[in-house]
Amino acid sequence: MASRHPLQPSPRTPHGFHIDSERLLASFTGLDVQGAQWLKEQNTDLHTVDLVCVHQPSLPFLHVFCGRLGIHPDSVVSTFPRIGNAACATLPLQLALATQQHRLRPGAHVALFGLASGASAGVILLNW
C-alpha cells in the first residue's frame, strides 16, 4: 500500500498521513508505456500539445511521470504545491486554473492523464 493510515505509524516515520511516492509510482509501472503507445497510435506527440493535465498525488510522482513520458514541465498545470492532492477534482481544477491563467483558449490541444489508486489510468485528448 502506498499510504499509511495515521493510526498505524511506521517506526521509521513520524505520526500522521504519509505517501510513499516511490511505491505509489511503482504501482503504475507500465501504464506510462501504455499511455505513450496509445498517444502514438493517435498520431499525437506531447511536444505539440498546448496543455497537459496530470493527476498529482505528490511532486516526486509528477516529476517522474512527466520525465518518463517526456512531458515538458512548462506544459503541465501544477496544482500540488498550492492545493495538494485534489484526487478526482485534479483534472477539472487544472482546466479551470489554466483558463484563469489564459493558458487554455479555444482550439487548444489538451492531454488529460487520469491516474488512480489501484494502478489504473486513462488518457483523453481534447480540442478545446
C-alpha atoms as a PDB file:
ATOM      1  CA  MET A   1       0.000   0.000   0.000  1.00  0.00           C
ATOM      2  CA  ALA A   2       1.334   3.431  -0.930  1.00  0.00           C
ATOM      3  CA  SER A   3      -0.139   5.306   2.008  1.00  0.00           C
ATOM      4  CA  ARG A   4      -0.356   4.660   5.709  1.00  0.00           C
ATOM      5  CA  HIS A   5      -3.311   5.238   7.991  1.00  0.00           C
ATOM      6  CA  PRO A   6      -2.494   7.799  10.712  1.00  0.00           C
ATOM      7  CA  LEU A   7      -3.297   5.292  13.440  1.00  0.00           C
ATOM      8  CA  GLN A   8      -0.704   2.853  12.109  1.00  0.00           C
ATOM      9  CA  PRO A   9       2.554   4.820  12.110  1.00  0.00           C
ATOM     10  CA  SER A  10       5.701   3.219  10.867  1.00  0.00           C
ATOM     11  CA  PRO A  11       8.574   3.129  13.354  1.00  0.00           C
ATOM     12  CA  ARG A  12      10.674   4.885  10.676  1.00  0.00           C
ATOM     13  CA  THR A  13       8.333   7.835  10.111  1.00  0.00           C
ATOM     14  CA  PRO A  14       6.612  10.381  12.327  1.00  0.00           C
ATOM     15  CA  HIS A  15       2.923  10.058  13.164  1.00  0.00           C
ATOM     16  CA  GLY A  16       0.456  11.246  10.543  1.00  0.00           C
ATOM     17  CA  PHE A  17      -0.518  10.512   6.982  1.00  0.00           C
ATOM     18  CA  HIS A  18       2.394   9.877   4.613  1.00  0.00           C
ATOM     19  CA  ILE A  19       2.621   8.914   0.964  1.00  0.00           C
ATOM     20  CA  ASP A  20       5.436   6.677  -0.191  1.00  0.00           C
ATOM     21  CA  SER A  21       5.924   8.264  -3.625  1.00  0.00           C
ATOM     22  CA  GLU A  22       8.299   5.562  -4.848  1.00  0.00           C
ATOM     23  CA  ARG A  23       5.888   2.736  -4.032  1.00  0.00           C
ATOM     24  CA  LEU A  24       2.992   4.698  -5.460  1.00  0.00           C
ATOM     25  CA  LEU A  25       4.876   5.310  -8.692  1.00  0.00           C
ATOM     26  CA  ALA A  26       5.940   1.658  -8.857  1.00  0.00           C
ATOM     27  CA  SER A  27       2.278   0.626  -8.770  1.00  0.00           C
ATOM     28  CA  PHE A  28       1.861   2.447 -12.101  1.00  0.00           C
ATOM     29  CA  THR A  29       4.733   0.631 -13.814  1.00  0.00           C
ATOM     30  CA  GLY A  30       3.843   0.039 -17.425  1.00  0.00           C
ATOM     31  CA  LEU A  31       0.921   2.454 -17.528  1.00  0.00           C
ATOM     32  CA  ASP A  32       3.200   5.229 -18.788  1.00  0.00           C
ATOM     33  CA  VAL A  33       4.373   2.945 -21.599  1.00  0.00           C
ATOM     34  CA  GLN A  34       0.779   2.047 -22.474  1.00  0.00           C
ATOM     35  CA  GLY A  35      -0.204   5.726 -22.448  1.00  0.00           C
ATOM     36  CA  ALA A  36       2.721   6.626 -24.694  1.00  0.00           C
ATOM     37  CA  GLN A  37       1.782   3.815 -27.084  1.00  0.00           C
ATOM     38  CA  TRP A  38      -1.845   4.990 -27.232  1.00  0.00           C
ATOM     39  CA  LEU A  39      -0.732   8.552 -27.950  1.00  0.00           C
ATOM     40  CA  LYS A  40       1.498   7.255 -30.743  1.00  0.00           C
ATOM     41  CA  GLU A  41      -1.468   5.360 -32.216  1.00  0.00           C
ATOM     42  CA  GLN A  42      -3.401   8.650 -32.167  1.00  0.00           C
ATOM     43  CA  ASN A  43      -0.526  10.364 -34.021  1.00  0.00           C
ATOM     44  CA  THR A  44      -0.052  12.677 -31.044  1.00  0.00           C
ATOM     45  CA  ASP A  45       3.300  13.961 -29.878  1.00  0.00           C
ATOM     46  CA  LEU A  46       3.145  15.503 -26.404  1.00  0.00           C
ATOM     47  CA  HIS A  47       5.558  18.198 -27.579  1.00  0.00           C
ATOM     48  CA  THR A  48       2.827  19.528 -29.878  1.00  0.00           C
ATOM     49  CA  VAL A  49       0.108  19.582 -27.196  1.00  0.00           C
ATOM     50  CA  ASP A  50      -0.713  23.034 -25.806  1.00  0.00           C
ATOM     51  CA  LEU A  51      -1.592  21.896 -22.290  1.00  0.00           C
ATOM     52  CA  VAL A  52      -1.135  18.743 -20.212  1.00  0.00           C
ATOM     53  CA  CYS A  53      -3.158  17.962 -17.098  1.00  0.00           C
ATOM     54  CA  VAL A  54      -1.875  15.143 -14.899  1.00  0.00           C
ATOM     55  CA  HIS A  55      -3.241  13.720 -11.663  1.00  0.00           C
ATOM     56  CA  GLN A  56      -0.799  14.895  -8.978  1.00  0.00           C
ATOM     57  CA  PRO A  57      -0.677  12.763  -5.818  1.00  0.00           C
ATOM     58  CA  SER A  58       2.799  14.141  -5.000  1.00  0.00           C
ATOM     59  CA  LEU A  59       5.517  16.267  -6.592  1.00  0.00           C
ATOM     60  CA  PRO A  60       8.015  13.392  -6.925  1.00  0.00           C
ATOM     61  CA  PHE A  61       5.320  11.345  -8.667  1.00  0.00           C
ATOM     62  CA  LEU A  62       4.524  14.204 -11.044  1.00  0.00           C
ATOM     63  CA  HIS A  63       8.194  14.801 -11.907  1.00  0.00           C
ATOM     64  CA  VAL A  64       8.952  11.139 -12.562  1.00  0.00           C
ATOM     65  CA  PHE A  65       5.751  10.557 -14.557  1.00  0.00           C
ATOM     66  CA  CYS A  66       6.414  13.601 -16.742  1.00  0.00           C
ATOM     67  CA  GLY A  67      10.035  12.550 -17.201  1.00  0.00           C
ATOM     68  CA  ARG A  68       9.037   9.061 -18.324  1.00  0.00           C
ATOM     69  CA  LEU A  69       6.629  10.420 -20.932  1.00  0.00           C
ATOM     70  CA  GLY A  70       8.834  13.311 -22.000  1.00  0.00           C
ATOM     71  CA  ILE A  71       6.278  15.881 -20.867  1.00  0.00           C
ATOM     72  CA  HIS A  72       7.860  19.313 -20.575  1.00  0.00           C
ATOM     73  CA  PRO A  73       7.150  20.722 -17.073  1.00  0.00           C
ATOM     74  CA  ASP A  74       6.014  24.088 -18.517  1.00  0.00           C
ATOM     75  CA  SER A  75       3.148  22.395 -20.348  1.00  0.00           C
ATOM     76  CA  VAL A  76       1.683  20.995 -17.093  1.00  0.00           C
ATOM     77  CA  VAL A  77      -0.653  22.939 -14.829  1.00  0.00           C
ATOM     78  CA  SER A  78       0.941  22.383 -11.436  1.00  0.00           C
ATOM     79  CA  THR A  79      -1.583  22.293  -8.593  1.00  0.00           C
ATOM     80  CA  PHE A  80       0.063  20.117  -5.954  1.00  0.00           C
ATOM     81  CA  PRO A  81       2.315  22.797  -4.374  1.00  0.00           C
ATOM     82  CA  ARG A  82      -0.652  25.086  -3.588  1.00  0.00           C
ATOM     83  CA  ILE A  83      -3.531  22.654  -3.192  1.00  0.00           C
ATOM     84  CA  GLY A  84      -2.102  19.200  -2.543  1.00  0.00           C
ATOM     85  CA  ASN A  85      -3.687  16.000  -3.805  1.00  0.00           C
ATOM     86  CA  ALA A  86      -7.119  17.077  -5.036  1.00  0.00           C
ATOM     87  CA  ALA A  87      -7.979  13.464  -6.013  1.00  0.00           C
ATOM     88  CA  CYS A  88     -10.732  13.240  -8.642  1.00  0.00           C
ATOM     89  CA  ALA A  89     -11.026  17.041  -8.814  1.00  0.00           C
ATOM     90  CA  THR A  90      -7.433  17.412 -10.030  1.00  0.00           C
ATOM     91  CA  LEU A  91      -8.079  17.440 -13.774  1.00  0.00           C
ATOM     92  CA  PRO A  92     -11.097  19.809 -13.769  1.00  0.00           C
ATOM     93  CA  LEU A  93      -9.226  22.035 -11.317  1.00  0.00           C
ATOM     94  CA  GLN A  94      -6.247  22.211 -13.668  1.00  0.00           C
ATOM     95  CA  LEU A  95      -8.523  23.094 -16.590  1.00  0.00           C
ATOM     96  CA  ALA A  96     -10.132  25.884 -14.536  1.00  0.00           C
ATOM     97  CA  LEU A  97      -6.734  27.247 -13.434  1.00  0.00           C
ATOM     98  CA  ALA A  98      -5.398  27.088 -16.986  1.00  0.00           C
ATOM     99  CA  THR A  99      -8.414  29.111 -18.127  1.00  0.00           C
ATOM    100  CA  GLN A 100      -7.797  31.729 -15.413  1.00  0.00           C
ATOM    101  CA  GLN A 101      -4.113  31.865 -16.389  1.00  0.00           C
ATOM    102  CA  HIS A 102      -5.057  32.327 -20.069  1.00  0.00           C
ATOM    103  CA  ARG A 103      -3.245  29.087 -20.920  1.00  0.00           C
ATOM    104  CA  LEU A 104      -6.403  27.414 -22.239  1.00  0.00           C
ATOM    105  CA  ARG A 105      -8.077  29.006 -25.214  1.00  0.00           C
ATOM    106  CA  PRO A 106     -10.417  27.829 -27.984  1.00  0.00           C
ATOM    107  CA  GLY A 107      -8.640  25.483 -30.362  1.00  0.00           C
ATOM    108  CA  ALA A 108      -6.039  24.368 -27.794  1.00  0.00           C
ATOM    109  CA  HIS A 109      -4.944  20.735 -27.880  1.00  0.00           C
ATOM    110  CA  VAL A 110      -5.094  19.258 -24.368  1.00  0.00           C
ATOM    111  CA  ALA A 111      -3.970  15.916 -22.967  1.00  0.00           C
ATOM    112  CA  LEU A 112      -5.517  14.716 -19.704  1.00  0.00           C
ATOM    113  CA  PHE A 113      -3.843  11.928 -17.737  1.00  0.00           C
ATOM    114  CA  GLY A 114      -6.109  10.487 -15.072  1.00  0.00           C
ATOM    115  CA  LEU A 115      -4.335   8.162 -12.668  1.00  0.00           C
ATOM    116  CA  ALA A 116      -5.959   6.385  -9.766  1.00  0.00           C
ATOM    117  CA  SER A 117      -5.040   4.254  -6.800  1.00  0.00           C
ATOM    118  CA  GLY A 118      -5.123   0.619  -7.683  1.00  0.00           C
ATOM    119  CA  ALA A 119      -2.925   1.456 -10.679  1.00  0.00           C
ATOM    120  CA  SER A 120      -5.484   2.410 -13.277  1.00  0.00           C
ATOM    121  CA  ALA A 121      -5.103   5.167 -15.795  1.00  0.00           C
ATOM    122  CA  GLY A 122      -6.832   6.948 -18.617  1.00  0.00           C
ATOM    123  CA  VAL A 123      -5.695   9.377 -21.290  1.00  0.00           C
ATOM    124  CA  ILE A 124      -8.003  11.806 -23.050  1.00  0.00           C
ATOM    125  CA  LEU A 125      -7.148  14.148 -25.893  1.00  0.00           C
ATOM    126  CA  LEU A 126      -9.289  17.267 -26.244  1.00  0.00           C
ATOM    127  CA  ASN A 127      -9.592  20.032 -28.778  1.00  0.00           C
ATOM    128  CA  TRP A 128     -10.818  22.821 -26.527  1.00  0.00           C
END
